[in-house]
Protein backbone atom coordinates (compact mmCIF):
# COMPACT_ATOMS: atom_id res chain seq x y z
CA MET A 1 -37.43 -13.70 -29.67
CA VAL A 2 -39.48 -11.26 -31.69
CA LYS A 3 -39.84 -12.28 -35.34
CA THR A 4 -41.41 -10.07 -38.01
CA LYS A 5 -42.67 -11.55 -41.21
CA LEU A 6 -45.26 -11.10 -43.90
CA SER A 7 -48.13 -13.37 -42.99
CA PHE A 8 -50.18 -13.13 -46.16
CA LEU A 9 -51.22 -10.74 -48.88
CA THR A 10 -54.52 -10.35 -50.55
CA ILE A 11 -55.75 -8.31 -53.45
CA LEU A 12 -58.70 -5.99 -52.88
CA GLY A 13 -59.50 -4.49 -56.25
CA THR A 14 -56.07 -3.16 -57.24
CA ALA A 15 -54.82 -2.55 -53.71
CA LEU A 16 -52.36 -4.91 -52.07
CA VAL A 17 -52.87 -5.40 -48.36
CA PHE A 18 -49.80 -6.51 -46.47
CA VAL A 19 -50.32 -8.00 -43.02
CA LEU A 20 -47.54 -8.03 -40.47
CA ILE A 21 -47.17 -10.57 -37.71
CA VAL A 22 -44.76 -9.95 -34.88
CA GLY A 23 -44.50 -13.35 -33.21
CA THR A 24 -42.89 -13.67 -29.83
CA SER A 25 -41.67 -16.52 -27.69
CA ALA A 26 -43.06 -16.95 -24.21
CA TRP A 27 -41.55 -14.12 -22.18
CA THR A 28 -39.85 -14.84 -18.87
CA VAL A 29 -40.84 -12.61 -15.99
CA PHE A 30 -37.74 -10.94 -14.52
CA ALA A 31 -37.54 -9.63 -10.94
CA PHE A 32 -35.09 -7.25 -9.29
CA SER A 33 -34.72 -5.49 -5.98
CA LYS A 34 -31.96 -2.95 -6.59
CA ASP A 35 -33.19 0.60 -7.27
CA GLY A 36 -31.94 2.30 -10.39
CA LYS A 37 -31.02 -0.89 -12.26
CA GLU A 38 -29.51 -0.17 -15.69
CA MET A 39 -31.07 -1.74 -18.78
CA THR A 40 -29.42 -5.12 -19.42
CA ALA A 41 -28.87 -7.69 -22.13
CA GLN A 42 -27.58 -11.12 -21.14
CA ASN A 43 -27.36 -9.72 -17.58
CA MET A 44 -24.83 -7.07 -18.65
CA GLU A 45 -25.46 -3.34 -18.39
CA ILE A 46 -26.05 -2.09 -21.93
CA ARG A 47 -24.72 1.43 -21.40
CA ARG A 48 -21.48 0.03 -20.01
CA TYR A 49 -21.22 -2.54 -22.80
CA LEU A 50 -21.61 0.21 -25.40
CA GLY A 51 -19.05 2.46 -23.70
CA LEU A 52 -21.65 5.03 -22.71
CA ASP A 53 -20.54 4.83 -19.10
CA GLN A 54 -17.42 6.85 -19.97
CA ASN A 55 -17.18 10.41 -18.63
CA GLU A 56 -17.78 11.79 -22.11
CA TYR A 57 -21.28 10.31 -22.25
CA LYS A 58 -22.48 9.18 -18.84
CA GLU A 59 -24.15 12.48 -17.88
CA PHE A 60 -26.35 12.44 -21.01
CA THR A 61 -29.73 10.70 -20.71
CA GLY A 62 -31.78 12.02 -23.63
CA LYS A 63 -33.04 15.07 -21.77
CA GLY A 64 -34.90 17.42 -24.07
CA VAL A 65 -35.11 14.84 -26.85
CA THR A 66 -38.43 13.37 -28.10
CA VAL A 67 -38.42 9.86 -29.57
CA ALA A 68 -41.36 8.63 -31.66
CA ILE A 69 -42.20 4.91 -31.57
CA LEU A 70 -44.31 3.13 -34.21
CA ASP A 71 -45.40 -0.12 -32.61
CA SER A 72 -48.19 -1.81 -30.61
CA GLY A 73 -48.73 1.17 -28.30
CA ILE A 74 -47.63 1.71 -24.74
CA GLU A 75 -49.02 0.48 -21.44
CA PHE A 76 -48.38 2.70 -18.44
CA HIS A 77 -45.89 1.09 -16.08
CA ASN A 78 -44.24 2.11 -12.83
CA ASP A 79 -41.08 2.82 -14.88
CA ILE A 80 -42.90 4.90 -17.53
CA PRO A 81 -44.20 8.06 -15.83
CA ARG A 82 -47.38 9.40 -17.45
CA ASP A 83 -45.78 12.73 -18.29
CA LYS A 84 -43.14 10.92 -20.37
CA VAL A 85 -45.71 10.12 -23.09
CA VAL A 86 -46.44 13.53 -24.63
CA LEU A 87 -48.62 12.29 -27.52
CA PHE A 88 -50.39 9.06 -28.43
CA LYS A 89 -52.39 8.04 -31.51
CA ASP A 90 -54.20 4.78 -32.01
CA PHE A 91 -54.43 3.76 -35.70
CA VAL A 92 -55.97 0.36 -34.86
CA LYS A 93 -59.04 0.94 -32.66
CA GLY A 94 -59.13 4.72 -32.45
CA GLN A 95 -58.90 4.84 -28.67
CA GLU A 96 -57.72 8.08 -27.10
CA ALA A 97 -55.93 6.90 -23.97
CA PRO A 98 -52.54 5.14 -24.36
CA TYR A 99 -52.61 1.33 -24.17
CA ASP A 100 -50.77 -1.70 -25.43
CA ASP A 101 -52.60 -4.99 -26.00
CA TYR A 102 -49.62 -6.86 -27.42
CA GLY A 103 -46.64 -5.74 -25.34
CA HIS A 104 -43.97 -5.19 -27.99
CA GLY A 105 -44.31 -1.42 -27.97
CA THR A 106 -44.03 -1.19 -24.17
CA PHE A 107 -40.89 -3.35 -24.28
CA ILE A 108 -39.41 -1.02 -26.90
CA ALA A 109 -40.38 2.07 -24.92
CA GLY A 110 -38.70 0.65 -21.85
CA ILE A 111 -35.38 0.10 -23.63
CA ILE A 112 -35.39 3.67 -24.85
CA GLY A 113 -36.92 5.60 -22.00
CA ALA A 114 -37.73 3.68 -18.82
CA ASN A 115 -37.15 5.90 -15.85
CA GLY A 116 -37.95 4.18 -12.59
CA LYS A 117 -36.30 1.21 -10.96
CA LEU A 118 -35.24 0.24 -14.47
CA LYS A 119 -33.32 2.84 -16.48
CA GLY A 120 -33.55 3.01 -20.25
CA LEU A 121 -30.71 4.16 -22.51
CA ALA A 122 -32.28 7.64 -22.67
CA GLU A 123 -34.20 7.72 -19.42
CA ASN A 124 -35.02 11.42 -19.58
CA SER A 125 -36.30 11.46 -23.12
CA LYS A 126 -39.94 12.11 -23.99
CA LEU A 127 -42.03 9.68 -26.08
CA VAL A 128 -44.53 10.08 -28.90
CA VAL A 129 -46.29 6.78 -29.61
CA ALA A 130 -48.22 5.67 -32.71
CA LYS A 131 -50.06 2.40 -32.28
CA VAL A 132 -50.00 0.60 -35.64
CA LEU A 133 -49.90 -3.04 -34.48
CA ASP A 134 -53.04 -4.79 -33.20
CA GLU A 135 -53.35 -7.24 -30.30
CA ASN A 136 -51.91 -10.00 -32.49
CA GLY A 137 -48.91 -8.00 -33.65
CA LYS A 138 -50.43 -7.45 -37.11
CA THR A 139 -50.65 -4.38 -39.30
CA ASP A 140 -50.66 -3.46 -42.97
CA ALA A 141 -48.70 -1.05 -45.14
CA LYS A 142 -51.57 1.45 -45.20
CA THR A 143 -51.73 1.67 -41.40
CA LEU A 144 -47.95 1.94 -41.13
CA GLN A 145 -47.97 4.75 -43.65
CA LYS A 146 -50.65 6.60 -41.68
CA GLY A 147 -48.50 6.33 -38.58
CA ILE A 148 -45.44 7.72 -40.36
CA GLU A 149 -47.42 10.59 -41.84
CA TRP A 150 -48.86 11.43 -38.41
CA ILE A 151 -45.30 11.67 -37.09
CA ILE A 152 -44.42 13.96 -40.00
CA ASP A 153 -47.40 16.17 -39.09
CA ASN A 154 -46.29 16.35 -35.43
CA LYS A 155 -42.53 16.46 -35.97
CA GLU A 156 -42.13 20.20 -35.41
CA LYS A 157 -44.84 20.57 -32.77
CA GLN A 158 -43.34 17.88 -30.57
CA ASN A 159 -39.71 18.42 -31.60
CA ILE A 160 -39.37 14.77 -32.62
CA ARG A 161 -35.68 14.03 -33.29
CA VAL A 162 -35.64 10.21 -33.36
CA VAL A 163 -38.09 7.66 -34.79
CA ASN A 164 -37.98 3.94 -33.90
CA ILE A 165 -39.58 1.42 -36.30
CA SER A 166 -39.06 -2.08 -34.93
CA ILE A 167 -41.49 -3.74 -37.35
CA GLY A 168 -41.13 -4.88 -40.91
CA MET A 169 -42.42 -6.81 -43.89
CA ASP A 170 -40.91 -9.32 -46.30
CA SER A 171 -39.06 -7.15 -48.89
CA SER A 172 -39.60 -9.65 -51.69
CA TYR A 173 -43.25 -8.51 -52.00
CA PHE A 174 -42.22 -4.91 -52.67
CA ASN A 175 -41.08 -4.31 -56.24
CA LEU A 176 -41.88 -0.62 -56.52
CA ASN A 177 -39.19 1.80 -57.46
CA VAL A 178 -37.88 3.62 -54.41
CA ASP A 179 -39.09 6.92 -55.87
CA GLU A 180 -42.61 5.48 -56.23
CA ASP A 181 -42.98 3.66 -52.94
CA PRO A 182 -45.19 5.78 -50.62
CA ILE A 183 -43.57 4.67 -47.37
CA TYR A 184 -40.04 5.22 -48.69
CA LYS A 185 -41.14 8.67 -49.87
CA ASP A 186 -42.53 9.47 -46.41
CA LEU A 187 -39.35 8.27 -44.71
CA LYS A 188 -37.31 10.56 -46.97
CA ILE A 189 -39.57 13.48 -46.04
CA LEU A 190 -39.19 12.71 -42.34
CA ARG A 191 -35.41 12.32 -42.63
CA ASP A 192 -35.11 15.58 -44.62
CA MET A 193 -36.95 17.31 -41.76
CA GLY A 194 -34.02 16.46 -39.49
CA THR A 195 -35.11 13.18 -37.95
CA VAL A 196 -32.89 10.18 -37.23
CA ILE A 197 -34.89 7.05 -38.22
CA ILE A 198 -33.90 3.66 -36.80
CA CYS A 199 -35.30 0.42 -38.25
CA SER A 200 -34.81 -3.18 -37.20
CA ALA A 201 -33.28 -5.43 -39.87
CA GLY A 202 -35.60 -8.31 -39.07
CA ASN A 203 -35.29 -11.84 -37.69
CA ASP A 204 -35.24 -13.88 -40.91
CA GLY A 205 -31.54 -14.85 -40.84
CA PRO A 206 -29.13 -16.43 -41.34
CA LYS A 207 -29.80 -16.39 -45.11
CA GLU A 208 -28.71 -13.37 -47.13
CA ASN A 209 -31.17 -10.88 -48.68
CA THR A 210 -33.57 -11.14 -45.75
CA ILE A 211 -33.63 -7.47 -44.65
CA LEU A 212 -37.27 -6.49 -44.05
CA TYR A 213 -39.20 -3.61 -45.57
CA PRO A 214 -38.98 -0.65 -44.90
CA ALA A 215 -35.48 -1.15 -43.44
CA LEU A 216 -34.00 -1.17 -46.96
CA SER A 217 -34.65 2.58 -47.21
CA GLN A 218 -31.48 4.61 -47.60
CA ASP A 219 -33.01 7.20 -45.28
CA VAL A 220 -32.93 4.96 -42.20
CA ILE A 221 -30.29 3.35 -40.04
CA THR A 222 -30.90 -0.39 -40.25
CA VAL A 223 -29.86 -2.41 -37.21
CA GLY A 224 -29.19 -6.13 -36.88
CA SER A 225 -28.66 -8.18 -33.73
CA VAL A 226 -25.54 -9.34 -31.90
CA ASN A 227 -25.08 -12.15 -29.41
CA ALA A 228 -22.60 -10.85 -26.81
CA GLN A 229 -21.96 -14.36 -25.41
CA ARG A 230 -22.56 -13.06 -21.85
CA THR A 231 -19.07 -11.53 -21.65
CA MET A 232 -17.99 -7.88 -21.58
CA GLU A 233 -15.41 -8.63 -24.24
CA HIS A 234 -16.34 -7.77 -27.81
CA GLU A 235 -13.92 -10.15 -29.47
CA ASP A 236 -16.20 -13.15 -28.91
CA ASP A 237 -19.38 -11.48 -30.22
CA THR A 238 -21.28 -13.14 -33.04
CA ILE A 239 -24.18 -12.06 -35.21
CA SER A 240 -27.42 -13.56 -33.91
CA VAL A 241 -28.42 -16.54 -36.02
CA THR A 242 -31.85 -15.03 -36.66
CA SER A 243 -30.61 -11.51 -37.51
CA SER A 244 -31.58 -10.64 -41.09
CA ARG A 245 -28.70 -10.26 -43.52
CA GLY A 246 -28.05 -8.15 -46.58
CA SER A 247 -25.76 -9.28 -49.42
CA SER A 248 -22.61 -8.07 -51.09
CA ASP A 249 -24.57 -6.73 -54.07
CA LEU A 250 -27.38 -5.11 -52.04
CA GLN A 251 -27.72 -1.35 -52.60
CA PRO A 252 -27.84 0.47 -50.28
CA ASN A 253 -25.64 -1.75 -48.14
CA LYS A 254 -27.72 -3.08 -45.23
CA PRO A 255 -27.73 -3.51 -42.33
CA ASP A 256 -25.88 -0.32 -41.38
CA LEU A 257 -24.65 -1.80 -38.11
CA VAL A 258 -25.54 -4.27 -35.36
CA ALA A 259 -26.19 -4.02 -31.61
CA MET A 260 -26.95 -6.25 -28.63
CA GLY A 261 -30.20 -8.13 -29.17
CA VAL A 262 -30.14 -11.36 -27.13
CA ASP A 263 -31.89 -11.74 -23.77
CA VAL A 264 -32.72 -8.06 -23.37
CA THR A 265 -34.63 -7.19 -20.22
CA SER A 266 -37.33 -4.53 -20.40
CA LEU A 267 -40.90 -3.70 -19.32
CA ASP A 268 -43.69 -6.31 -19.11
CA PHE A 269 -46.98 -4.77 -20.27
CA ARG A 270 -48.92 -7.29 -18.16
CA LYS A 271 -47.78 -6.01 -14.77
CA ARG A 272 -47.29 -2.43 -13.59
CA ASP A 273 -44.02 -3.43 -11.89
CA GLY A 274 -43.05 -6.34 -14.10
CA LEU A 275 -40.04 -6.98 -16.27
CA THR A 276 -39.49 -9.58 -18.94
CA THR A 277 -36.71 -10.82 -21.20
CA ASP A 278 -36.79 -11.32 -24.96
CA SER A 279 -34.52 -11.33 -28.03
CA GLY A 280 -34.57 -9.90 -31.55
CA SER A 281 -33.39 -7.12 -33.81
CA SER A 282 -36.36 -5.06 -32.71
CA TYR A 283 -34.55 -4.49 -29.44
CA SER A 284 -31.22 -3.85 -31.14
CA ALA A 285 -32.92 -1.00 -33.01
CA ALA A 286 -34.42 0.39 -29.79
CA ILE A 287 -30.94 0.39 -28.22
CA VAL A 288 -29.63 2.45 -31.13
CA SER A 289 -32.62 4.81 -30.84
CA GLY A 290 -31.71 5.35 -27.21
CA VAL A 291 -28.11 6.03 -28.24
CA ALA A 292 -29.30 8.54 -30.85
CA ALA A 293 -31.24 10.42 -28.15
CA VAL A 294 -28.13 10.53 -25.96
CA LEU A 295 -26.06 11.89 -28.84
CA ILE A 296 -28.65 14.55 -29.73
CA GLU A 297 -28.64 15.79 -26.11
CA LYS A 298 -24.84 15.90 -26.21
CA TYR A 299 -24.73 17.60 -29.64
CA PRO A 300 -28.08 19.47 -29.83
CA GLU A 301 -27.08 21.57 -32.83
CA ASN A 302 -25.95 18.63 -34.95
CA SER A 303 -27.95 17.71 -38.02
CA ALA A 304 -29.57 14.30 -38.44
CA SER A 305 -26.89 13.34 -40.98
CA SER A 306 -24.16 14.30 -38.48
CA VAL A 307 -25.70 12.16 -35.75
CA GLU A 308 -26.07 9.28 -38.22
CA MET A 309 -22.43 9.61 -39.11
CA ILE A 310 -21.37 9.44 -35.46
CA ILE A 311 -23.46 6.30 -34.99
CA ARG A 312 -22.16 4.60 -38.13
CA ASN A 313 -18.56 5.46 -37.28
CA SER A 314 -18.77 4.44 -33.59
CA VAL A 315 -18.39 0.75 -34.18
CA THR A 316 -16.08 -2.19 -33.61
CA THR A 317 -15.71 -5.08 -36.02
CA VAL A 318 -17.47 -8.38 -35.31
CA HIS A 319 -14.53 -10.52 -36.31
CA SER A 320 -16.53 -13.68 -36.93
CA ALA A 321 -18.94 -12.02 -39.37
CA GLU A 322 -18.87 -10.78 -42.96
CA SER A 323 -20.08 -7.36 -44.06
CA PRO A 324 -23.56 -8.42 -45.26
CA SER A 325 -24.44 -9.47 -41.70
CA GLN A 326 -22.85 -6.60 -39.69
CA GLY A 327 -22.64 -3.58 -42.03
CA HIS A 328 -20.17 -1.09 -40.54
CA GLY A 329 -19.86 -3.19 -37.39
CA GLU A 330 -21.16 -3.35 -33.84
CA ILE A 331 -22.02 -0.02 -32.16
CA TYR A 332 -19.38 0.76 -29.56
CA PHE A 333 -18.13 4.04 -28.07
CA ALA A 334 -15.04 2.89 -26.17
CA ASP A 335 -11.64 1.96 -27.60
CA ARG A 336 -11.91 1.15 -31.31
CA ARG A 337 -10.81 -2.30 -32.45
């Protein structure tokens, strides 16, 4: 499971430096032999589980849509063709060629856009990658802000329509007014430019008021994690124990929705043909980013707010959970419940 938390903060003059650790359990190497395997969670095809295998959606694969990923970078893999990554920027070591020395970013990229033996949710999308996490999964607010501003600068040139931010910091350390917070301000700029921004809620559950920064921004779709119980039925789904929760008095209400996030299989950065399995809201957010790319291909003229509305309204209720843990509900495009 990927867990994001604030490791420590120090004061340098008057500047606060926030350091992010993305801890991960030991990943299990996953093997397969069938060509064209769909992305899975708990050994179930994610597209089918979400209802994206229906005729209305199954032909759409994110073609013509560029997704930006702020994470630990990307390692080339047999299932990530080189021409898929149209732009890369390293805010950690300043290297020019794409790389990933932590693995989280490659895993996220696979969920969204793998296109080889493993198929991501939006297999024909293009990727723009900003490396903001180091080899230990750490970053700080300044580096994250630089990454977001770089995406703003390249939004129009690269036609970036979706941004995935599967990292976060303990919100209790951030007391700035939303109008004064530089990252919130940048996210608003990016969203006003017509970008759908997806953030992971965090893995600090099950307590309330544990949504991580910057996922509390009203300009992002905040995604928590669901345990699908290894069945195709939605009635038995539960919110993952670790998924960060909001509260009944939290404004704006967060998370916005939840998605599969347990035992997700994606790309292993350590082997060119390797797969691995992990859990966390990071991967729930990546699933929704892939869905957003599919919707934008299907409705290319729709505004960001229109796509967001479709996502928020395409849900089913997690019957065992209260609103602060599931928001609008679990993303689902088949029969409504």
